[in-house]
């Protein structure tokens, strides 16, 4: 299997719903090259992002952003790259359902 450049995920979760955004497939390592959070509303919003190793249930220690504020009609670039192993999970949440999340990256057979 060759390296695969792709959109890893695009999601606009419902208000206050922590949802799985991306799960690294078995036998693959992933490098998240770009990750953006976009507030698509005219009012301020907040978002959270968590990284869970090996599909673990969510814990406070997994958050890399927690209820961070985002002004209206603004896009926030998440620090990258983010390196992930097989079965690792990215979860996302928006307090009011007005944030969309997009990530691109490279999946490498591992």
N, C-alpha and C. Protein backbone atom coordinates (compact mmCIF):
# COMPACT_ATOMS: atom_id res chain seq x y z
N UNK A 1 0.84 -1.17 0.00
CA UNK A 1 0.00 0.00 0.00
C UNK A 1 0.89 1.24 0.00
N UNK A 2 0.60 2.20 -0.86
CA UNK A 2 1.38 3.42 -0.96
C UNK A 2 0.88 4.47 0.02
N UNK A 3 1.71 5.48 0.26
CA UNK A 3 1.27 6.62 1.07
C UNK A 3 0.03 7.24 0.42
N UNK A 4 -0.87 7.73 1.25
CA UNK A 4 -2.12 8.28 0.73
C UNK A 4 -2.31 9.70 1.26
N UNK A 5 -2.29 10.69 0.35
CA UNK A 5 -2.58 12.08 0.70
C UNK A 5 -4.08 12.26 0.61
N UNK A 6 -4.70 12.84 1.67
CA UNK A 6 -6.15 12.92 1.62
C UNK A 6 -6.73 13.92 2.60
N UNK A 7 -8.00 14.21 2.40
CA UNK A 7 -8.78 14.89 3.43
C UNK A 7 -9.12 13.81 4.45
N UNK A 8 -8.64 13.99 5.67
CA UNK A 8 -8.85 13.00 6.72
C UNK A 8 -10.26 13.07 7.29
N UNK A 9 -10.81 14.27 7.34
CA UNK A 9 -12.16 14.42 7.86
C UNK A 9 -12.69 15.82 7.67
N UNK A 10 -14.00 15.90 7.58
CA UNK A 10 -14.73 17.17 7.56
C UNK A 10 -16.02 16.92 8.33
N UNK A 11 -16.28 17.75 9.34
CA UNK A 11 -17.42 17.51 10.21
C UNK A 11 -17.89 18.82 10.82
N UNK A 12 -19.20 18.96 10.93
CA UNK A 12 -19.82 20.07 11.67
C UNK A 12 -20.75 19.41 12.69
N UNK A 13 -20.20 19.10 13.88
CA UNK A 13 -20.98 18.36 14.88
C UNK A 13 -22.13 19.19 15.46
N UNK A 14 -23.14 18.49 15.94
CA UNK A 14 -24.26 19.14 16.62
C UNK A 14 -23.76 19.83 17.89
N UNK A 15 -24.54 20.76 18.40
CA UNK A 15 -24.17 21.51 19.61
C UNK A 15 -23.85 20.57 20.76
N UNK A 16 -22.71 20.84 21.41
CA UNK A 16 -22.25 20.11 22.60
C UNK A 16 -22.11 18.61 22.43
N UNK A 17 -21.93 18.15 21.20
CA UNK A 17 -21.75 16.72 20.94
C UNK A 17 -20.29 16.44 20.62
N UNK A 18 -19.61 15.73 21.52
CA UNK A 18 -18.24 15.32 21.26
C UNK A 18 -18.31 14.12 20.31
N UNK A 19 -17.83 14.32 19.09
CA UNK A 19 -17.97 13.30 18.06
C UNK A 19 -16.61 12.84 17.54
N UNK A 20 -16.55 11.58 17.11
CA UNK A 20 -15.34 11.07 16.48
C UNK A 20 -15.20 11.75 15.13
N UNK A 21 -14.07 12.38 14.93
CA UNK A 21 -13.77 13.10 13.70
C UNK A 21 -12.96 12.23 12.74
N UNK A 22 -11.99 11.49 13.30
CA UNK A 22 -11.12 10.65 12.48
C UNK A 22 -10.54 9.55 13.35
N UNK A 23 -10.51 8.35 12.82
CA UNK A 23 -9.85 7.21 13.46
C UNK A 23 -8.80 6.69 12.50
N UNK A 24 -7.57 6.55 12.97
CA UNK A 24 -6.49 6.04 12.12
C UNK A 24 -6.78 4.57 11.83
N UNK A 25 -6.79 4.19 10.55
CA UNK A 25 -7.04 2.79 10.21
C UNK A 25 -5.95 1.86 10.77
N UNK A 26 -6.32 0.60 10.98
CA UNK A 26 -5.36 -0.41 11.43
C UNK A 26 -4.23 -0.52 10.40
N UNK A 27 -3.02 -0.70 10.88
CA UNK A 27 -1.86 -0.88 10.00
C UNK A 27 -1.38 0.40 9.33
N UNK A 28 -1.81 1.55 9.85
CA UNK A 28 -1.47 2.83 9.24
C UNK A 28 -0.97 3.80 10.31
N UNK A 29 -0.06 4.68 9.92
CA UNK A 29 0.32 5.83 10.73
C UNK A 29 -0.11 7.06 9.95
N UNK A 30 -0.55 8.10 10.67
CA UNK A 30 -1.07 9.29 10.00
C UNK A 30 -0.37 10.54 10.51
N UNK A 31 -0.06 11.42 9.58
CA UNK A 31 0.44 12.75 9.91
C UNK A 31 -0.63 13.75 9.48
N UNK A 32 -1.21 14.45 10.46
CA UNK A 32 -2.17 15.51 10.15
C UNK A 32 -1.35 16.73 9.77
N UNK A 33 -1.46 17.14 8.52
CA UNK A 33 -0.65 18.23 7.99
C UNK A 33 -1.32 19.58 8.23
N UNK A 34 -2.63 19.63 8.03
CA UNK A 34 -3.37 20.86 8.30
C UNK A 34 -4.68 20.52 8.99
N UNK A 35 -5.07 21.37 9.94
CA UNK A 35 -6.29 21.15 10.71
C UNK A 35 -6.88 22.53 10.99
N UNK A 36 -8.11 22.73 10.57
CA UNK A 36 -8.75 24.03 10.72
C UNK A 36 -10.10 23.90 11.41
N UNK A 37 -10.41 24.90 12.24
CA UNK A 37 -11.73 25.03 12.85
C UNK A 37 -12.29 26.34 12.33
N UNK A 38 -13.50 26.30 11.78
CA UNK A 38 -14.12 27.49 11.19
C UNK A 38 -15.46 27.76 11.86
N UNK A 39 -15.59 28.94 12.43
CA UNK A 39 -16.86 29.37 13.00
C UNK A 39 -17.69 29.94 11.84
N UNK A 40 -18.75 29.24 11.46
CA UNK A 40 -19.55 29.62 10.30
C UNK A 40 -20.75 30.48 10.67
N UNK A 41 -20.74 31.03 11.88
CA UNK A 41 -21.88 31.84 12.33
C UNK A 41 -21.47 33.30 12.54
N UNK A 42 -22.47 34.13 12.74
CA UNK A 42 -22.26 35.55 12.99
C UNK A 42 -21.98 35.87 14.45
N UNK A 43 -21.98 34.87 15.32
CA UNK A 43 -21.70 35.08 16.74
C UNK A 43 -20.49 34.28 17.18
N UNK A 44 -19.96 34.60 18.35
CA UNK A 44 -18.81 33.85 18.85
C UNK A 44 -19.22 32.42 19.20
N UNK A 45 -18.24 31.55 19.20
CA UNK A 45 -18.46 30.14 19.47
C UNK A 45 -17.27 29.62 20.27
N UNK A 46 -17.30 28.37 20.65
CA UNK A 46 -16.13 27.73 21.25
C UNK A 46 -16.06 26.29 20.77
N UNK A 47 -14.83 25.74 20.82
CA UNK A 47 -14.61 24.39 20.32
C UNK A 47 -13.64 23.63 21.21
N UNK A 48 -13.66 22.31 21.06
CA UNK A 48 -12.74 21.43 21.76
C UNK A 48 -12.24 20.37 20.79
N UNK A 49 -10.98 19.94 21.00
CA UNK A 49 -10.37 18.88 20.20
C UNK A 49 -9.63 17.96 21.16
N UNK A 50 -9.80 16.65 20.98
CA UNK A 50 -9.13 15.67 21.83
C UNK A 50 -8.47 14.60 20.97
N UNK A 51 -7.31 14.11 21.44
CA UNK A 51 -6.59 13.01 20.79
C UNK A 51 -6.54 11.85 21.76
N UNK A 52 -7.07 10.70 21.35
CA UNK A 52 -7.10 9.52 22.23
C UNK A 52 -6.27 8.40 21.62
N UNK A 53 -5.30 7.92 22.39
CA UNK A 53 -4.41 6.86 21.93
C UNK A 53 -5.14 5.53 21.88
N UNK A 54 -4.97 4.83 20.76
CA UNK A 54 -5.46 3.46 20.63
C UNK A 54 -6.95 3.30 20.85
N UNK A 55 -7.73 4.30 20.54
CA UNK A 55 -9.18 4.20 20.68
C UNK A 55 -9.69 4.30 22.10
N UNK A 56 -8.87 4.80 23.01
CA UNK A 56 -9.26 4.90 24.42
C UNK A 56 -10.49 5.78 24.61
N UNK A 57 -11.26 5.47 25.64
CA UNK A 57 -12.40 6.32 26.01
C UNK A 57 -11.87 7.70 26.40
N UNK A 58 -12.68 8.71 26.17
CA UNK A 58 -12.26 10.09 26.40
C UNK A 58 -11.92 10.35 27.87
N UNK A 59 -10.84 11.10 28.07
CA UNK A 59 -10.40 11.54 29.40
C UNK A 59 -9.97 13.00 29.29
N UNK A 60 -9.96 13.70 30.40
CA UNK A 60 -9.56 15.11 30.40
C UNK A 60 -8.16 15.30 29.81
N UNK A 61 -7.26 14.35 30.04
CA UNK A 61 -5.88 14.48 29.57
C UNK A 61 -5.76 14.45 28.04
N UNK A 62 -6.80 14.05 27.33
CA UNK A 62 -6.74 13.92 25.87
C UNK A 62 -6.94 15.24 25.13
N UNK A 63 -7.42 16.26 25.80
CA UNK A 63 -7.75 17.51 25.11
C UNK A 63 -6.51 18.32 24.76
N UNK A 64 -6.45 18.76 23.50
CA UNK A 64 -5.39 19.70 23.09
C UNK A 64 -5.97 21.12 22.96
N UNK A 65 -7.29 21.21 22.86
CA UNK A 65 -8.02 22.48 22.94
C UNK A 65 -9.31 22.18 23.70
N UNK A 66 -9.66 23.04 24.64
CA UNK A 66 -10.87 22.81 25.44
C UNK A 66 -11.63 24.11 25.60
N UNK A 67 -12.81 24.14 25.03
CA UNK A 67 -13.69 25.31 25.02
C UNK A 67 -12.94 26.60 24.66
N UNK A 68 -12.08 26.51 23.65
CA UNK A 68 -11.38 27.70 23.14
C UNK A 68 -12.38 28.58 22.39
N UNK A 69 -12.31 29.87 22.62
CA UNK A 69 -13.22 30.82 21.96
C UNK A 69 -12.81 31.06 20.52
N UNK A 70 -13.82 31.28 19.68
CA UNK A 70 -13.58 31.57 18.28
C UNK A 70 -14.57 32.65 17.84
N UNK A 71 -14.06 33.78 17.40
CA UNK A 71 -14.90 34.90 16.97
C UNK A 71 -15.75 34.52 15.78
N UNK A 72 -16.79 35.31 15.54
CA UNK A 72 -17.69 35.06 14.41
C UNK A 72 -16.93 35.07 13.09
N UNK A 73 -17.35 34.16 12.20
CA UNK A 73 -16.82 34.08 10.84
C UNK A 73 -15.29 34.04 10.81
N UNK A 74 -14.70 33.27 11.73
CA UNK A 74 -13.25 33.18 11.85
C UNK A 74 -12.80 31.74 11.71
N UNK A 75 -11.59 31.57 11.15
CA UNK A 75 -10.99 30.24 11.03
C UNK A 75 -9.74 30.19 11.91
N UNK A 76 -9.61 29.09 12.66
CA UNK A 76 -8.47 28.89 13.55
C UNK A 76 -7.63 27.73 13.02
N UNK A 77 -6.33 27.96 12.72
CA UNK A 77 -5.46 26.86 12.32
C UNK A 77 -4.89 26.16 13.56
N UNK A 78 -5.13 24.89 13.68
CA UNK A 78 -4.62 24.10 14.80
C UNK A 78 -3.14 23.83 14.55
N UNK A 79 -2.33 23.89 15.60
CA UNK A 79 -0.90 23.60 15.47
C UNK A 79 -0.72 22.22 14.85
N UNK A 80 0.18 22.13 13.89
CA UNK A 80 0.41 20.86 13.23
C UNK A 80 1.90 20.75 12.93
N UNK A 81 2.43 19.62 12.61
CA UNK A 81 1.71 18.39 12.37
C UNK A 81 1.33 17.67 13.66
N UNK A 82 0.36 16.80 13.53
CA UNK A 82 -0.05 15.92 14.61
C UNK A 82 0.21 14.50 14.12
N UNK A 83 1.01 13.76 14.87
CA UNK A 83 1.38 12.40 14.47
C UNK A 83 0.51 11.40 15.23
N UNK A 84 -0.07 10.45 14.50
CA UNK A 84 -0.98 9.47 15.09
C UNK A 84 -0.63 8.06 14.63
N UNK A 85 -0.91 7.09 15.51
CA UNK A 85 -0.69 5.68 15.20
C UNK A 85 -2.03 4.98 14.97
N UNK A 86 -1.93 3.75 14.50
CA UNK A 86 -3.13 2.95 14.22
C UNK A 86 -4.10 2.97 15.39
N UNK A 87 -5.36 3.17 15.09
CA UNK A 87 -6.52 3.20 16.00
C UNK A 87 -6.59 4.43 16.91
N UNK A 88 -5.65 5.37 16.78
CA UNK A 88 -5.78 6.63 17.52
C UNK A 88 -7.00 7.39 16.99
N UNK A 89 -7.62 8.20 17.84
CA UNK A 89 -8.87 8.88 17.49
C UNK A 89 -8.73 10.39 17.74
N UNK A 90 -9.27 11.16 16.80
CA UNK A 90 -9.46 12.60 17.00
C UNK A 90 -10.95 12.81 17.24
N UNK A 91 -11.27 13.53 18.31
CA UNK A 91 -12.66 13.88 18.61
C UNK A 91 -12.80 15.40 18.61
N UNK A 92 -13.96 15.89 18.18
CA UNK A 92 -14.19 17.34 18.12
C UNK A 92 -15.55 17.68 18.71
N UNK A 93 -15.68 18.94 19.13
CA UNK A 93 -16.93 19.42 19.71
C UNK A 93 -17.04 20.93 19.50
N UNK A 94 -18.27 21.39 19.30
CA UNK A 94 -18.57 22.81 19.21
C UNK A 94 -19.69 23.10 20.20
N UNK A 95 -19.56 24.16 20.98
CA UNK A 95 -20.56 24.42 22.02
C UNK A 95 -21.94 24.70 21.44
N UNK A 96 -22.00 25.30 20.25
CA UNK A 96 -23.30 25.67 19.70
C UNK A 96 -23.59 25.04 18.33
N UNK A 97 -22.73 24.17 17.87
CA UNK A 97 -22.93 23.52 16.57
C UNK A 97 -22.58 24.40 15.39
N UNK A 98 -21.89 25.52 15.62
CA UNK A 98 -21.56 26.44 14.54
C UNK A 98 -20.12 26.38 14.06
N UNK A 99 -19.36 25.38 14.52
CA UNK A 99 -17.98 25.23 14.07
C UNK A 99 -17.86 24.01 13.16
N UNK A 100 -17.16 24.20 12.04
CA UNK A 100 -16.85 23.08 11.17
C UNK A 100 -15.36 22.78 11.30
N UNK A 101 -15.02 21.52 11.15
CA UNK A 101 -13.65 21.04 11.33
C UNK A 101 -13.19 20.36 10.03
N UNK A 102 -11.97 20.65 9.60
CA UNK A 102 -11.39 20.02 8.40
C UNK A 102 -9.94 19.71 8.68
N UNK A 103 -9.52 18.49 8.29
CA UNK A 103 -8.12 18.11 8.43
C UNK A 103 -7.66 17.39 7.17
N UNK A 104 -6.42 17.68 6.76
CA UNK A 104 -5.79 16.97 5.66
C UNK A 104 -4.52 16.33 6.19
N UNK A 105 -4.07 15.27 5.51
CA UNK A 105 -2.87 14.63 5.99
C UNK A 105 -2.41 13.50 5.09
N UNK A 106 -1.50 12.72 5.65
CA UNK A 106 -0.89 11.61 4.93
C UNK A 106 -1.04 10.35 5.76
N UNK A 107 -1.61 9.31 5.17
CA UNK A 107 -1.67 7.99 5.79
C UNK A 107 -0.55 7.15 5.18
N UNK A 108 0.28 6.56 6.06
CA UNK A 108 1.44 5.79 5.65
C UNK A 108 1.31 4.37 6.20
N UNK A 109 1.49 3.36 5.37
CA UNK A 109 1.46 1.98 5.89
C UNK A 109 2.50 1.83 6.99
N UNK A 110 2.09 1.19 8.08
CA UNK A 110 3.01 1.07 9.20
C UNK A 110 3.01 -0.29 9.72
